[in-house]
Amino acid sequence: NVKHVDWYDFIPNEDGSDNAKVEASTFSRDDYDLLIGSDLVNWEEDVRPLISTMKYFLSGDRDTKAILMLSVENRKALPTFLELIESEFTYVETKNMSIMNKAEELPLLLITLSMQKPK
C-alpha cells in the first residue's frame, strides 16, 4: 500500500498529541511494516518535520523500520539530521556505500531506523 505523505502534517502539538491533520487522515501507525525513502534530507527546515513523520509511523506496536538511502554530497541538512536521529530513535544503523555512475563514484549513506531494539 503506497501513499503520499506530507511531513508537515505529522508535526505533533505542543503537548505531544497528534495534530488535527493526522487525526483526520487515513493513516494508521499500525498499517505499515516498512517505510522507504530516498533523497529526503535537503533543507534544514525540513529535518524536524521528517523526523516527526518517521517517529509517528515507527511508534506503533509493531517492529516497523525505516530504510533511507541518501546522497552525502551537497546535503546541507545531513549533519543536523544525523545528530537528531541518534537522540530520537532507539535503533539507528548507518552504512557508508557508493554506486558507480559511468566513471564517477557517488557516495551514499544507508540508514535504518526503528523505535524498538532489534530482536
PDB file of N, CA and C in Angstrom:
ATOM      1  N   ASN A   1       0.848  -1.169   0.000  1.00  0.00           N
ATOM      2  CA  ASN A   1       0.000   0.000   0.000  1.00  0.00           C
ATOM      3  C   ASN A   1       0.899   1.239   0.000  1.00  0.00           C
ATOM      4  N   VAL A   2       0.873   2.037  -1.033  1.00  0.00           N
ATOM      5  CA  VAL A   2       1.714   3.217  -1.162  1.00  0.00           C
ATOM      6  C   VAL A   2       0.844   4.458  -1.033  1.00  0.00           C
ATOM      7  N   LYS A   3       1.279   5.409  -0.198  1.00  0.00           N
ATOM      8  CA  LYS A   3       0.533   6.645  -0.005  1.00  0.00           C
ATOM      9  C   LYS A   3       1.481   7.834  -0.006  1.00  0.00           C
ATOM     10  N   HIS A   4       0.974   8.969  -0.473  1.00  0.00           N
ATOM     11  CA  HIS A   4       1.721  10.230  -0.409  1.00  0.00           C
ATOM     12  C   HIS A   4       1.687  10.737   1.031  1.00  0.00           C
ATOM     13  N   VAL A   5       2.821  11.197   1.524  1.00  0.00           N
ATOM     14  CA  VAL A   5       2.912  11.699   2.896  1.00  0.00           C
ATOM     15  C   VAL A   5       3.486  13.118   2.864  1.00  0.00           C
ATOM     16  N   ASP A   6       2.802  14.038   3.522  1.00  0.00           N
ATOM     17  CA  ASP A   6       3.313  15.401   3.701  1.00  0.00           C
ATOM     18  C   ASP A   6       3.876  15.492   5.107  1.00  0.00           C
ATOM     19  N   TRP A   7       5.189  15.687   5.227  1.00  0.00           N
ATOM     20  CA  TRP A   7       5.853  15.674   6.534  1.00  0.00           C
ATOM     21  C   TRP A   7       5.268  16.684   7.502  1.00  0.00           C
ATOM     22  N   TYR A   8       4.803  17.800   6.981  1.00  0.00           N
ATOM     23  CA  TYR A   8       4.313  18.864   7.861  1.00  0.00           C
ATOM     24  C   TYR A   8       2.956  18.510   8.490  1.00  0.00           C
ATOM     25  N   ASP A   9       2.296  17.467   8.005  1.00  0.00           N
ATOM     26  CA  ASP A   9       1.052  17.004   8.613  1.00  0.00           C
ATOM     27  C   ASP A   9       1.293  16.206   9.892  1.00  0.00           C
ATOM     28  N   PHE A  10       2.522  15.797  10.144  1.00  0.00           N
ATOM     29  CA  PHE A  10       2.801  14.893  11.262  1.00  0.00           C
ATOM     30  C   PHE A  10       3.587  15.553  12.392  1.00  0.00           C
ATOM     31  N   ILE A  11       3.649  16.866  12.390  1.00  0.00           N
ATOM     32  CA  ILE A  11       4.292  17.578  13.496  1.00  0.00           C
ATOM     33  C   ILE A  11       3.324  17.552  14.672  1.00  0.00           C
ATOM     34  N   PRO A  12       3.719  16.999  15.820  1.00  0.00           N
ATOM     35  CA  PRO A  12       2.785  16.909  16.951  1.00  0.00           C
ATOM     36  C   PRO A  12       2.477  18.282  17.544  1.00  0.00           C
ATOM     37  N   ASN A  13       1.361  18.348  18.270  1.00  0.00           N
ATOM     38  CA  ASN A  13       1.017  19.565  19.008  1.00  0.00           C
ATOM     39  C   ASN A  13       2.030  19.761  20.133  1.00  0.00           C
ATOM     40  N   GLU A  14       2.021  20.944  20.727  1.00  0.00           N
ATOM     41  CA  GLU A  14       2.980  21.246  21.797  1.00  0.00           C
ATOM     42  C   GLU A  14       2.877  20.281  22.970  1.00  0.00           C
ATOM     43  N   ASP A  15       1.676  19.727  23.219  1.00  0.00           N
ATOM     44  CA  ASP A  15       1.517  18.783  24.329  1.00  0.00           C
ATOM     45  C   ASP A  15       1.880  17.350  23.938  1.00  0.00           C
ATOM     46  N   GLY A  16       2.337  17.159  22.690  1.00  0.00           N
ATOM     47  CA  GLY A  16       2.763  15.844  22.234  1.00  0.00           C
ATOM     48  C   GLY A  16       1.673  15.050  21.539  1.00  0.00           C
ATOM     49  N   SER A  17       0.440  15.525  21.566  1.00  0.00           N
ATOM     50  CA  SER A  17      -0.662  14.815  20.910  1.00  0.00           C
ATOM     51  C   SER A  17      -0.597  15.016  19.394  1.00  0.00           C
ATOM     52  N   ASP A  18      -1.278  14.108  18.666  1.00  0.00           N
ATOM     53  CA  ASP A  18      -1.326  14.230  17.210  1.00  0.00           C
ATOM     54  C   ASP A  18      -2.075  15.497  16.821  1.00  0.00           C
ATOM     55  N   ASN A  19      -1.626  16.140  15.746  1.00  0.00           N
ATOM     56  CA  ASN A  19      -2.345  17.338  15.297  1.00  0.00           C
ATOM     57  C   ASN A  19      -3.612  16.933  14.542  1.00  0.00           C
ATOM     58  N   ALA A  20      -4.463  17.886  14.264  1.00  0.00           N
ATOM     59  CA  ALA A  20      -5.774  17.616  13.654  1.00  0.00           C
ATOM     60  C   ALA A  20      -5.650  16.954  12.286  1.00  0.00           C
ATOM     61  N   LYS A  21      -4.623  17.291  11.518  1.00  0.00           N
ATOM     62  CA  LYS A  21      -4.465  16.684  10.191  1.00  0.00           C
ATOM     63  C   LYS A  21      -4.213  15.187  10.307  1.00  0.00           C
ATOM     64  N   VAL A  22      -3.449  14.777  11.296  1.00  0.00           N
ATOM     65  CA  VAL A  22      -3.179  13.350  11.490  1.00  0.00           C
ATOM     66  C   VAL A  22      -4.442  12.647  11.963  1.00  0.00           C
ATOM     67  N   GLU A  23      -5.144  13.241  12.901  1.00  0.00           N
ATOM     68  CA  GLU A  23      -6.367  12.630  13.432  1.00  0.00           C
ATOM     69  C   GLU A  23      -7.419  12.437  12.342  1.00  0.00           C
ATOM     70  N   ALA A  24      -7.471  13.342  11.370  1.00  0.00           N
ATOM     71  CA  ALA A  24      -8.472  13.265  10.301  1.00  0.00           C
ATOM     72  C   ALA A  24      -7.982  12.453   9.101  1.00  0.00           C
ATOM     73  N   SER A  25      -6.737  12.011   9.125  1.00  0.00           N
ATOM     74  CA  SER A  25      -6.178  11.317   7.964  1.00  0.00           C
ATOM     75  C   SER A  25      -6.558   9.840   7.962  1.00  0.00           C
ATOM     76  N   THR A  26      -6.214   9.203   6.863  1.00  0.00           N
ATOM     77  CA  THR A  26      -6.461   7.763   6.736  1.00  0.00           C
ATOM     78  C   THR A  26      -5.239   6.954   7.143  1.00  0.00           C
ATOM     79  N   PHE A  27      -4.237   7.618   7.719  1.00  0.00           N
ATOM     80  CA  PHE A  27      -3.024   6.924   8.119  1.00  0.00           C
ATOM     81  C   PHE A  27      -3.189   6.309   9.499  1.00  0.00           C
ATOM     82  N   SER A  28      -2.767   5.087   9.632  1.00  0.00           N
ATOM     83  CA  SER A  28      -2.728   4.425  10.935  1.00  0.00           C
ATOM     84  C   SER A  28      -1.306   3.954  11.176  1.00  0.00           C
ATOM     85  N   ARG A  29      -0.801   4.163  12.374  1.00  0.00           N
ATOM     86  CA  ARG A  29       0.571   3.756  12.703  1.00  0.00           C
ATOM     87  C   ARG A  29       0.812   2.276  12.432  1.00  0.00           C
ATOM     88  N   ASP A  30      -0.204   1.466  12.659  1.00  0.00           N
ATOM     89  CA  ASP A  30      -0.020   0.017  12.586  1.00  0.00           C
ATOM     90  C   ASP A  30      -0.292  -0.574  11.208  1.00  0.00           C
ATOM     91  N   ASP A  31      -0.492   0.257  10.207  1.00  0.00           N
ATOM     92  CA  ASP A  31      -0.742  -0.243   8.854  1.00  0.00           C
ATOM     93  C   ASP A  31       0.532  -0.506   8.062  1.00  0.00           C
ATOM     94  N   TYR A  32       1.688  -0.182   8.639  1.00  0.00           N
ATOM     95  CA  TYR A  32       2.930  -0.235   7.866  1.00  0.00           C
ATOM     96  C   TYR A  32       3.984  -1.074   8.565  1.00  0.00           C
ATOM     97  N   ASP A  33       4.715  -1.859   7.783  1.00  0.00           N
ATOM     98  CA  ASP A  33       5.836  -2.636   8.293  1.00  0.00           C
ATOM     99  C   ASP A  33       7.162  -1.991   7.941  1.00  0.00           C
ATOM    100  N   LEU A  34       7.160  -1.197   6.881  1.00  0.00           N
ATOM    101  CA  LEU A  34       8.406  -0.647   6.363  1.00  0.00           C
ATOM    102  C   LEU A  34       8.147   0.710   5.724  1.00  0.00           C
ATOM    103  N   LEU A  35       9.003   1.672   6.044  1.00  0.00           N
ATOM    104  CA  LEU A  35       8.997   2.968   5.371  1.00  0.00           C
ATOM    105  C   LEU A  35      10.255   3.038   4.526  1.00  0.00           C
ATOM    106  N   ILE A  36      10.122   3.467   3.300  1.00  0.00           N
ATOM    107  CA  ILE A  36      11.275   3.559   2.397  1.00  0.00           C
ATOM    108  C   ILE A  36      11.356   4.991   1.888  1.00  0.00           C
ATOM    109  N   GLY A  37      12.556   5.561   1.907  1.00  0.00           N
ATOM    110  CA  GLY A  37      12.729   6.912   1.406  1.00  0.00           C
ATOM    111  C   GLY A  37      14.092   7.093   0.787  1.00  0.00           C
ATOM    112  N   SER A  38      14.188   8.022  -0.130  1.00  0.00           N
ATOM    113  CA  SER A  38      15.489   8.344  -0.720  1.00  0.00           C
ATOM    114  C   SER A  38      15.558   9.845  -0.960  1.00  0.00           C
ATOM    115  N   ASP A  39      16.758  10.376  -0.871  1.00  0.00           N
ATOM    116  CA  ASP A  39      16.994  11.807  -1.105  1.00  0.00           C
ATOM    117  C   ASP A  39      16.024  12.686  -0.321  1.00  0.00           C
ATOM    118  N   LEU A  40      15.875  12.418   0.968  1.00  0.00           N
ATOM    119  CA  LEU A  40      14.909  13.128   1.798  1.00  0.00           C
ATOM    120  C   LEU A  40      15.481  14.337   2.512  1.00  0.00           C
ATOM    121  N   VAL A  41      16.762  14.365   2.732  1.00  0.00           N
ATOM    122  CA  VAL A  41      17.363  15.394   3.588  1.00  0.00           C
ATOM    123  C   VAL A  41      18.064  16.432   2.722  1.00  0.00           C
ATOM    124  N   ASN A  42      17.367  17.521   2.443  1.00  0.00           N
ATOM    125  CA  ASN A  42      17.941  18.581   1.624  1.00  0.00           C
ATOM    126  C   ASN A  42      18.041  19.895   2.381  1.00  0.00           C
ATOM    127  N   TRP A  43      16.946  20.292   3.031  1.00  0.00           N
ATOM    128  CA  TRP A  43      16.883  21.595   3.683  1.00  0.00           C
ATOM    129  C   TRP A  43      16.742  21.433   5.183  1.00  0.00           C
ATOM    130  N   GLU A  44      17.451  22.264   5.928  1.00  0.00           N
ATOM    131  CA  GLU A  44      17.452  22.158   7.389  1.00  0.00           C
ATOM    132  C   GLU A  44      16.061  22.324   7.989  1.00  0.00           C
ATOM    133  N   GLU A  45      15.228  23.174   7.403  1.00  0.00           N
ATOM    134  CA  GLU A  45      13.897  23.393   7.974  1.00  0.00           C
ATOM    135  C   GLU A  45      12.979  22.175   7.833  1.00  0.00           C
ATOM    136  N   ASP A  46      13.353  21.222   6.983  1.00  0.00           N
ATOM    137  CA  ASP A  46      12.547  20.011   6.806  1.00  0.00           C
ATOM    138  C   ASP A  46      12.983  18.851   7.699  1.00  0.00           C
ATOM    139  N   VAL A  47      14.098  18.995   8.407  1.00  0.00           N
ATOM    140  CA  VAL A  47      14.623  17.883   9.207  1.00  0.00           C
ATOM    141  C   VAL A  47      13.662  17.491  10.322  1.00  0.00           C
ATOM    142  N   ARG A  48      13.211  18.427  11.119  1.00  0.00           N
ATOM    143  CA  ARG A  48      12.312  18.091  12.242  1.00  0.00           C
ATOM    144  C   ARG A  48      10.967  17.533  11.769  1.00  0.00           C
ATOM    145  N   PRO A  49      10.329  18.119  10.741  1.00  0.00           N
ATOM    146  CA  PRO A  49       9.094  17.501  10.249  1.00  0.00           C
ATOM    147  C   PRO A  49       9.312  16.073   9.724  1.00  0.00           C
ATOM    148  N   LEU A  50      10.427  15.844   9.050  1.00  0.00           N
ATOM    149  CA  LEU A  50      10.732  14.489   8.568  1.00  0.00           C
ATOM    150  C   LEU A  50      10.873  13.531   9.748  1.00  0.00           C
ATOM    151  N   ILE A  51      11.603  13.932  10.769  1.00  0.00           N
ATOM    152  CA  ILE A  51      11.786  13.080  11.943  1.00  0.00           C
ATOM    153  C   ILE A  51      10.448  12.840  12.645  1.00  0.00           C
ATOM    154  N   SER A  52       9.620  13.864  12.775  1.00  0.00           N
ATOM    155  CA  SER A  52       8.296  13.693  13.384  1.00  0.00           C
ATOM    156  C   SER A  52       7.452  12.689  12.607  1.00  0.00           C
ATOM    157  N   THR A  53       7.499  12.759  11.293  1.00  0.00           N
ATOM    158  CA  THR A  53       6.743  11.834  10.458  1.00  0.00           C
ATOM    159  C   THR A  53       7.234  10.408  10.645  1.00  0.00           C
ATOM    160  N   MET A  54       8.536  10.219  10.629  1.00  0.00           N
ATOM    161  CA  MET A  54       9.074   8.864  10.803  1.00  0.00           C
ATOM    162  C   MET A  54       8.751   8.329  12.195  1.00  0.00           C
ATOM    163  N   LYS A  55       8.851   9.168  13.212  1.00  0.00           N
ATOM    164  CA  LYS A  55       8.517   8.734  14.568  1.00  0.00           C
ATOM    165  C   LYS A  55       7.041   8.335  14.663  1.00  0.00           C
ATOM    166  N   TYR A  56       6.169   9.066  13.992  1.00  0.00           N
ATOM    167  CA  TYR A  56       4.745   8.725  14.003  1.00  0.00           C
ATOM    168  C   TYR A  56       4.541   7.299  13.497  1.00  0.00           C
ATOM    169  N   PHE A  57       5.112   6.994  12.338  1.00  0.00           N
ATOM    170  CA  PHE A  57       4.894   5.682  11.737  1.00  0.00           C
ATOM    171  C   PHE A  57       5.680   4.557  12.421  1.00  0.00           C
ATOM    172  N   LEU A  58       6.769   4.894  13.072  1.00  0.00           N
ATOM    173  CA  LEU A  58       7.580   3.867  13.725  1.00  0.00           C
ATOM    174  C   LEU A  58       7.189   3.629  15.175  1.00  0.00           C
ATOM    175  N   SER A  59       6.262   4.408  15.706  1.00  0.00           N
ATOM    176  CA  SER A  59       5.940   4.291  17.130  1.00  0.00           C
ATOM    177  C   SER A  59       4.759   3.385  17.428  1.00  0.00           C
ATOM    178  N   GLY A  60       4.266   2.648  16.458  1.00  0.00           N
ATOM    179  CA  GLY A  60       3.171   1.710  16.700  1.00  0.00           C
ATOM    180  C   GLY A  60       3.651   0.504  17.490  1.00  0.00           C
ATOM    181  N   ASP A  61       2.782  -0.462  17.630  1.00  0.00           N
ATOM    182  CA  ASP A  61       3.094  -1.658  18.419  1.00  0.00           C
ATOM    183  C   ASP A  61       3.987  -2.649  17.686  1.00  0.00           C
ATOM    184  N   ARG A  62       4.089  -2.528  16.391  1.00  0.00           N
ATOM    185  CA  ARG A  62       4.879  -3.497  15.626  1.00  0.00           C
ATOM    186  C   ARG A  62       6.312  -3.006  15.461  1.00  0.00           C
ATOM    187  N   ASP A  63       7.169  -3.889  15.032  1.00  0.00           N
ATOM    188  CA  ASP A  63       8.578  -3.563  14.826  1.00  0.00           C
ATOM    189  C   ASP A  63       8.777  -2.997  13.424  1.00  0.00           C
ATOM    190  N   THR A  64       8.212  -1.838  13.177  1.00  0.00           N
ATOM    191  CA  THR A  64       8.325  -1.178  11.879  1.00  0.00           C
ATOM    192  C   THR A  64       9.701  -0.529  11.762  1.00  0.00           C
ATOM    193  N   LYS A  65      10.267  -0.587  10.561  1.00  0.00           N
ATOM    194  CA  LYS A  65      11.571   0.006  10.314  1.00  0.00           C
ATOM    195  C   LYS A  65      11.467   1.030   9.186  1.00  0.00           C
ATOM    196  N   ALA A  66      12.380   1.977   9.198  1.00  0.00           N
ATOM    197  CA  ALA A  66      12.531   2.919   8.087  1.00  0.00           C
ATOM    198  C   ALA A  66      13.887   2.660   7.459  1.00  0.00           C
ATOM    199  N   ILE A  67      13.921   2.595   6.149  1.00  0.00           N
ATOM    200  CA  ILE A  67      15.173   2.431   5.413  1.00  0.00           C
ATOM    201  C   ILE A  67      15.305   3.623   4.474  1.00  0.00           C
ATOM    202  N   LEU A  68      16.393   4.363   4.657  1.00  0.00           N
ATOM    203  CA  LEU A  68      16.623   5.573   3.885  1.00  0.00           C
ATOM    204  C   LEU A  68      17.946   5.470   3.133  1.00  0.00           C
ATOM    205  N   MET A  69      17.963   5.921   1.907  1.00  0.00           N
ATOM    206  CA  MET A  69      19.190   5.983   1.119  1.00  0.00           C
ATOM    207  C   MET A  69      19.396   7.438   0.732  1.00  0.00           C
ATOM    208  N   LEU A  70      20.521   7.992   1.152  1.00  0.00           N
ATOM    209  CA  LEU A  70      20.778   9.413   0.936  1.00  0.00           C
ATOM    210  C   LEU A  70      22.118   9.631   0.259  1.00  0.00           C
ATOM    211  N   SER A  71      22.141  10.542  -0.661  1.00  0.00           N
ATOM    212  CA  SER A  71      23.408  11.014  -1.204  1.00  0.00           C
ATOM    213  C   SER A  71      24.061  11.888  -0.135  1.00  0.00           C
ATOM    214  N   VAL A  72      25.342  11.758   0.051  1.00  0.00           N
ATOM    215  CA  VAL A  72      26.009  12.568   1.066  1.00  0.00           C
ATOM    216  C   VAL A  72      26.573  13.859   0.489  1.00  0.00           C
ATOM    217  N   GLU A  73      26.502  14.008  -0.809  1.00  0.00           N
ATOM    218  CA  GLU A  73      27.015  15.211  -1.448  1.00  0.00           C
ATOM    219  C   GLU A  73      25.950  16.311  -1.468  1.00  0.00           C
ATOM    220  N   ASN A  74      26.365  17.521  -1.186  1.00  0.00           N
ATOM    221  CA  ASN A  74      25.500  18.701  -1.270  1.00  0.00           C
ATOM    222  C   ASN A  74      24.249  18.593  -0.403  1.00  0.00           C
ATOM    223  N   ARG A  75      24.398  18.051   0.791  1.00  0.00           N
ATOM    224  CA  ARG A  75      23.279  17.917   1.731  1.00  0.00           C
ATOM    225  C   ARG A  75      23.571  18.758   2.960  1.00  0.00           C
ATOM    226  N   LYS A  76      23.209  20.013   2.901  1.00  0.00           N
ATOM    227  CA  LYS A  76      23.488  20.936   3.998  1.00  0.00           C
ATOM    228  C   LYS A  76      22.871  20.461   5.308  1.00  0.00           C
ATOM    229  N   ALA A  77      21.705  19.831   5.254  1.00  0.00           N
ATOM    230  CA  ALA A  77      20.983  19.417   6.456  1.00  0.00           C
ATOM    231  C   ALA A  77      21.429  18.060   6.999  1.00  0.00           C
ATOM    232  N   LEU A  78      22.277  17.349   6.293  1.00  0.00           N
ATOM    233  CA  LEU A  78      22.645  15.994   6.713  1.00  0.00           C
ATOM    234  C   LEU A  78      23.278  15.931   8.103  1.00  0.00           C
ATOM    235  N   PRO A  79      24.224  16.797   8.466  1.00  0.00           N
ATOM    236  CA  PRO A  79      24.779  16.721   9.828  1.00  0.00           C
ATOM    237  C   PRO A  79      23.720  16.894  10.919  1.00  0.00           C
ATOM    238  N   THR A  80      22.801  17.821  10.730  1.00  0.00           N
ATOM    239  CA  THR A  80      21.721  18.032  11.696  1.00  0.00           C
ATOM    240  C   THR A  80      20.832  16.800  11.780  1.00  0.00           C
ATOM    241  N   PHE A  81      20.487  16.242  10.636  1.00  0.00           N
ATOM    242  CA  PHE A  81      19.645  15.047  10.589  1.00  0.00           C
ATOM    243  C   PHE A  81      20.313  13.881  11.320  1.00  0.00           C
ATOM    244  N   LEU A  82      21.582  13.644  11.034  1.00  0.00           N
ATOM    245  CA  LEU A  82      22.294  12.527  11.665  1.00  0.00           C
ATOM    246  C   LEU A  82      22.390  12.701  13.176  1.00  0.00           C
ATOM    247  N   GLU A  83      22.608  13.908  13.624  1.00  0.00           N
ATOM    248  CA  GLU A  83      22.676  14.174  15.062  1.00  0.00           C
ATOM    249  C   GLU A  83      21.326  13.920  15.735  1.00  0.00           C
ATOM    250  N   LEU A  84      20.258  14.387  15.127  1.00  0.00           N
ATOM    251  CA  LEU A  84      18.932  14.242  15.728  1.00  0.00           C
ATOM    252  C   LEU A  84      18.421  12.805  15.733  1.00  0.00           C
ATOM    253  N   ILE A  85      18.690  12.038  14.688  1.00  0.00           N
ATOM    254  CA  ILE A  85      18.175  10.668  14.682  1.00  0.00           C
ATOM    255  C   ILE A  85      18.812   9.829  15.783  1.00  0.00           C
ATOM    256  N   GLU A  86      20.051  10.133  16.139  1.00  0.00           N
ATOM    257  CA  GLU A  86      20.706   9.390  17.218  1.00  0.00           C
ATOM    258  C   GLU A  86      19.982   9.576  18.549  1.00  0.00           C
ATOM    259  N   SER A  87      19.389  10.752  18.764  1.00  0.00           N
ATOM    260  CA  SER A  87      18.697  11.006  20.030  1.00  0.00           C
ATOM    261  C   SER A  87      17.202  10.685  19.963  1.00  0.00           C
ATOM    262  N   GLU A  88      16.634  10.580  18.767  1.00  0.00           N
ATOM    263  CA  GLU A  88      15.185  10.407  18.627  1.00  0.00           C
ATOM    264  C   GLU A  88      14.736   8.959  18.405  1.00  0.00           C
ATOM    265  N   PHE A  89      15.649   8.102  17.963  1.00  0.00           N
ATOM    266  CA  PHE A  89      15.277   6.723  17.642  1.00  0.00           C
ATOM    267  C   PHE A  89      16.052   5.746  18.508  1.00  0.00           C
ATOM    268  N   THR A  90      15.415   4.629  18.839  1.00  0.00           N
ATOM    269  CA  THR A  90      16.044   3.614  19.679  1.00  0.00           C
ATOM    270  C   THR A  90      17.144   2.883  18.921  1.00  0.00           C
ATOM    271  N   TYR A  91      16.893   2.597  17.651  1.00  0.00           N
ATOM    272  CA  TYR A  91      17.856   1.860  16.830  1.00  0.00           C
ATOM    273  C   TYR A  91      18.210   2.698  15.610  1.00  0.00           C
ATOM    274  N   VAL A  92      19.490   2.961  15.438  1.00  0.00           N
ATOM    275  CA  VAL A  92      19.995   3.700  14.280  1.00  0.00           C
ATOM    276  C   VAL A  92      21.213   2.960  13.748  1.00  0.00           C
ATOM    277  N   GLU A  93      21.158   2.576  12.493  1.00  0.00           N
ATOM    278  CA  GLU A  93      22.309   1.951  11.848  1.00  0.00           C
ATOM    279  C   GLU A  93      22.612   2.732  10.577  1.00  0.00           C
ATOM    280  N   THR A  94      23.854   3.140  10.422  1.00  0.00           N
ATOM    281  CA  THR A  94      24.259   3.851   9.208  1.00  0.00           C
ATOM    282  C   THR A  94      25.388   3.081   8.539  1.00  0.00           C
ATOM    283  N   LYS A  95      25.334   3.019   7.231  1.00  0.00           N
ATOM    284  CA  LYS A  95      26.377   2.352   6.446  1.00  0.00           C
ATOM    285  C   LYS A  95      26.769   3.252   5.288  1.00  0.00           C
ATOM    286  N   ASN A  96      28.049   3.496   5.157  1.00  0.00           N
ATOM    287  CA  ASN A  96      28.559   4.234   4.005  1.00  0.00           C
ATOM    288  C   ASN A  96      28.631   3.280   2.827  1.00  0.00           C
ATOM    289  N   MET A  97      28.121   3.724   1.707  1.00  0.00           N
ATOM    290  CA  MET A  97      28.102   2.921   0.496  1.00  0.00           C
ATOM    291  C   MET A  97      28.443   3.832  -0.671  1.00  0.00           C
ATOM    292  N   SER A  98      28.471   3.274  -1.848  1.00  0.00           N
ATOM    293  CA  SER A  98      28.642   4.091  -3.042  1.00  0.00           C
ATOM    294  C   SER A  98      28.110   3.332  -4.250  1.00  0.00           C
ATOM    295  N   ILE A  99      27.800   4.072  -5.279  1.00  0.00           N
ATOM    296  CA  ILE A  99      27.419   3.487  -6.555  1.00  0.00           C
ATOM    297  C   ILE A  99      28.275   4.132  -7.632  1.00  0.00           C
ATOM    298  N   MET A 100      28.413   3.435  -8.703  1.00  0.00           N
ATOM    299  CA  MET A 100      29.160   3.968  -9.836  1.00  0.00           C
ATOM    300  C   MET A 100      28.177   4.496 -10.875  1.00  0.00           C
ATOM    301  N   ASN A 101      28.413   5.706 -11.316  1.00  0.00           N
ATOM    302  CA  ASN A 101      27.634   6.311 -12.381  1.00  0.00           C
ATOM    303  C   ASN A 101      28.612   6.647 -13.487  1.00  0.00           C
ATOM    304  N   LYS A 102      28.620   5.821 -14.502  1.00  0.00           N
ATOM    305  CA  LYS A 102      29.617   5.890 -15.560  1.00  0.00           C
ATOM    306  C   LYS A 102      30.990   5.704 -14.911  1.00  0.00           C
ATOM    307  N   ALA A 103      31.850   6.687 -14.940  1.00  0.00           N
ATOM    308  CA  ALA A 103      33.185   6.541 -14.343  1.00  0.00           C
ATOM    309  C   ALA A 103      33.293   7.248 -13.002  1.00  0.00           C
ATOM    310  N   GLU A 104      32.154   7.717 -12.485  1.00  0.00           N
ATOM    311  CA  GLU A 104      32.164   8.501 -11.258  1.00  0.00           C
ATOM    312  C   GLU A 104      31.553   7.707 -10.103  1.00  0.00           C
ATOM    313  N   GLU A 105      32.245   7.705  -8.966  1.00  0.00           N
ATOM    314  CA  GLU A 105      31.730   7.050  -7.775  1.00  0.00           C
ATOM    315  C   GLU A 105      30.926   8.055  -6.952  1.00  0.00           C
ATOM    316  N   LEU A 106      29.695   7.678  -6.598  1.00  0.00           N
ATOM    317  CA  LEU A 106      28.813   8.560  -5.839  1.00  0.00           C
ATOM    318  C   LEU A 106      28.637   8.007  -4.423  1.00  0.00           C
ATOM    319  N   PRO A 107      29.076   8.756  -3.400  1.00  0.00           N
ATOM    320  CA  PRO A 107      28.930   8.280  -2.025  1.00  0.00           C
ATOM    321  C   PRO A 107      27.480   8.362  -1.546  1.00  0.00           C
ATOM    322  N   LEU A 108      27.040   7.305  -0.872  1.00  0.00           N
ATOM    323  CA  LEU A 108      25.688   7.217  -0.345  1.00  0.00           C
ATOM    324  C   LEU A 108      25.734   6.812   1.115  1.00  0.00           C
ATOM    325  N   LEU A 109      24.648   7.078   1.803  1.00  0.00           N
ATOM    326  CA  LEU A 109      24.511   6.671   3.192  1.00  0.00           C
ATOM    327  C   LEU A 109      23.208   5.889   3.317  1.00  0.00           C
ATOM    328  N   LEU A 110      23.306   4.645   3.769  1.00  0.00           N
ATOM    329  CA  LEU A 110      22.139   3.806   4.015  1.00  0.00           C
ATOM    330  C   LEU A 110      21.838   3.874   5.508  1.00  0.00           C
ATOM    331  N   ILE A 111      20.614   4.265   5.862  1.00  0.00           N
ATOM    332  CA  ILE A 111      20.230   4.438   7.255  1.00  0.00           C
ATOM    333  C   ILE A 111      19.026   3.558   7.553  1.00  0.00           C
ATOM    334  N   THR A 112      19.106   2.793   8.631  1.00  0.00           N
ATOM    335  CA  THR A 112      17.969   2.002   9.108  1.00  0.00           C
ATOM    336  C   THR A 112      17.591   2.535  10.476  1.00  0.00           C
ATOM    337  N   LEU A 113      16.295   2.815  10.679  1.00  0.00           N
ATOM    338  CA  LEU A 113      15.780   3.384  11.915  1.00  0.00           C
ATOM    339  C   LEU A 113      14.652   2.540  12.482  1.00  0.00           C
ATOM    340  N   SER A 114      14.552   2.501  13.794  1.00  0.00           N
ATOM    341  CA  SER A 114      13.440   1.839  14.456  1.00  0.00           C
ATOM    342  C   SER A 114      13.268   2.442  15.845  1.00  0.00           C
ATOM    343  N   MET A 115      12.051   2.340  16.359  1.00  0.00           N
ATOM    344  CA  MET A 115      11.789   2.775  17.728  1.00  0.00           C
ATOM    345  C   MET A 115      11.978   1.620  18.711  1.00  0.00           C
ATOM    346  N   GLN A 116      12.264   0.416  18.168  1.00  0.00           N
ATOM    347  CA  GLN A 116      12.481  -0.765  19.004  1.00  0.00           C
ATOM    348  C   GLN A 116      13.848  -1.348  18.718  1.00  0.00           C
ATOM    349  N   LYS A 117      14.442  -1.957  19.741  1.00  0.00           N
ATOM    350  CA  LYS A 117      15.728  -2.614  19.547  1.00  0.00           C
ATOM    351  C   LYS A 117      15.527  -3.865  18.705  1.00  0.00           C
ATOM    352  N   PRO A 118      16.495  -4.202  17.851  1.00  0.00           N
ATOM    353  CA  PRO A 118      16.355  -5.402  17.018  1.00  0.00           C
ATOM    354  C   PRO A 118      16.319  -6.659  17.885  1.00  0.00           C
ATOM    355  N   LYS A 119      15.593  -7.635  17.395  1.00  0.00           N
ATOM    356  CA  LYS A 119      15.450  -8.901  18.142  1.00  0.00           C
ATOM    357  C   LYS A 119      16.596  -9.828  17.863  1.00  0.00           C
TER     358      LYS A 119
END
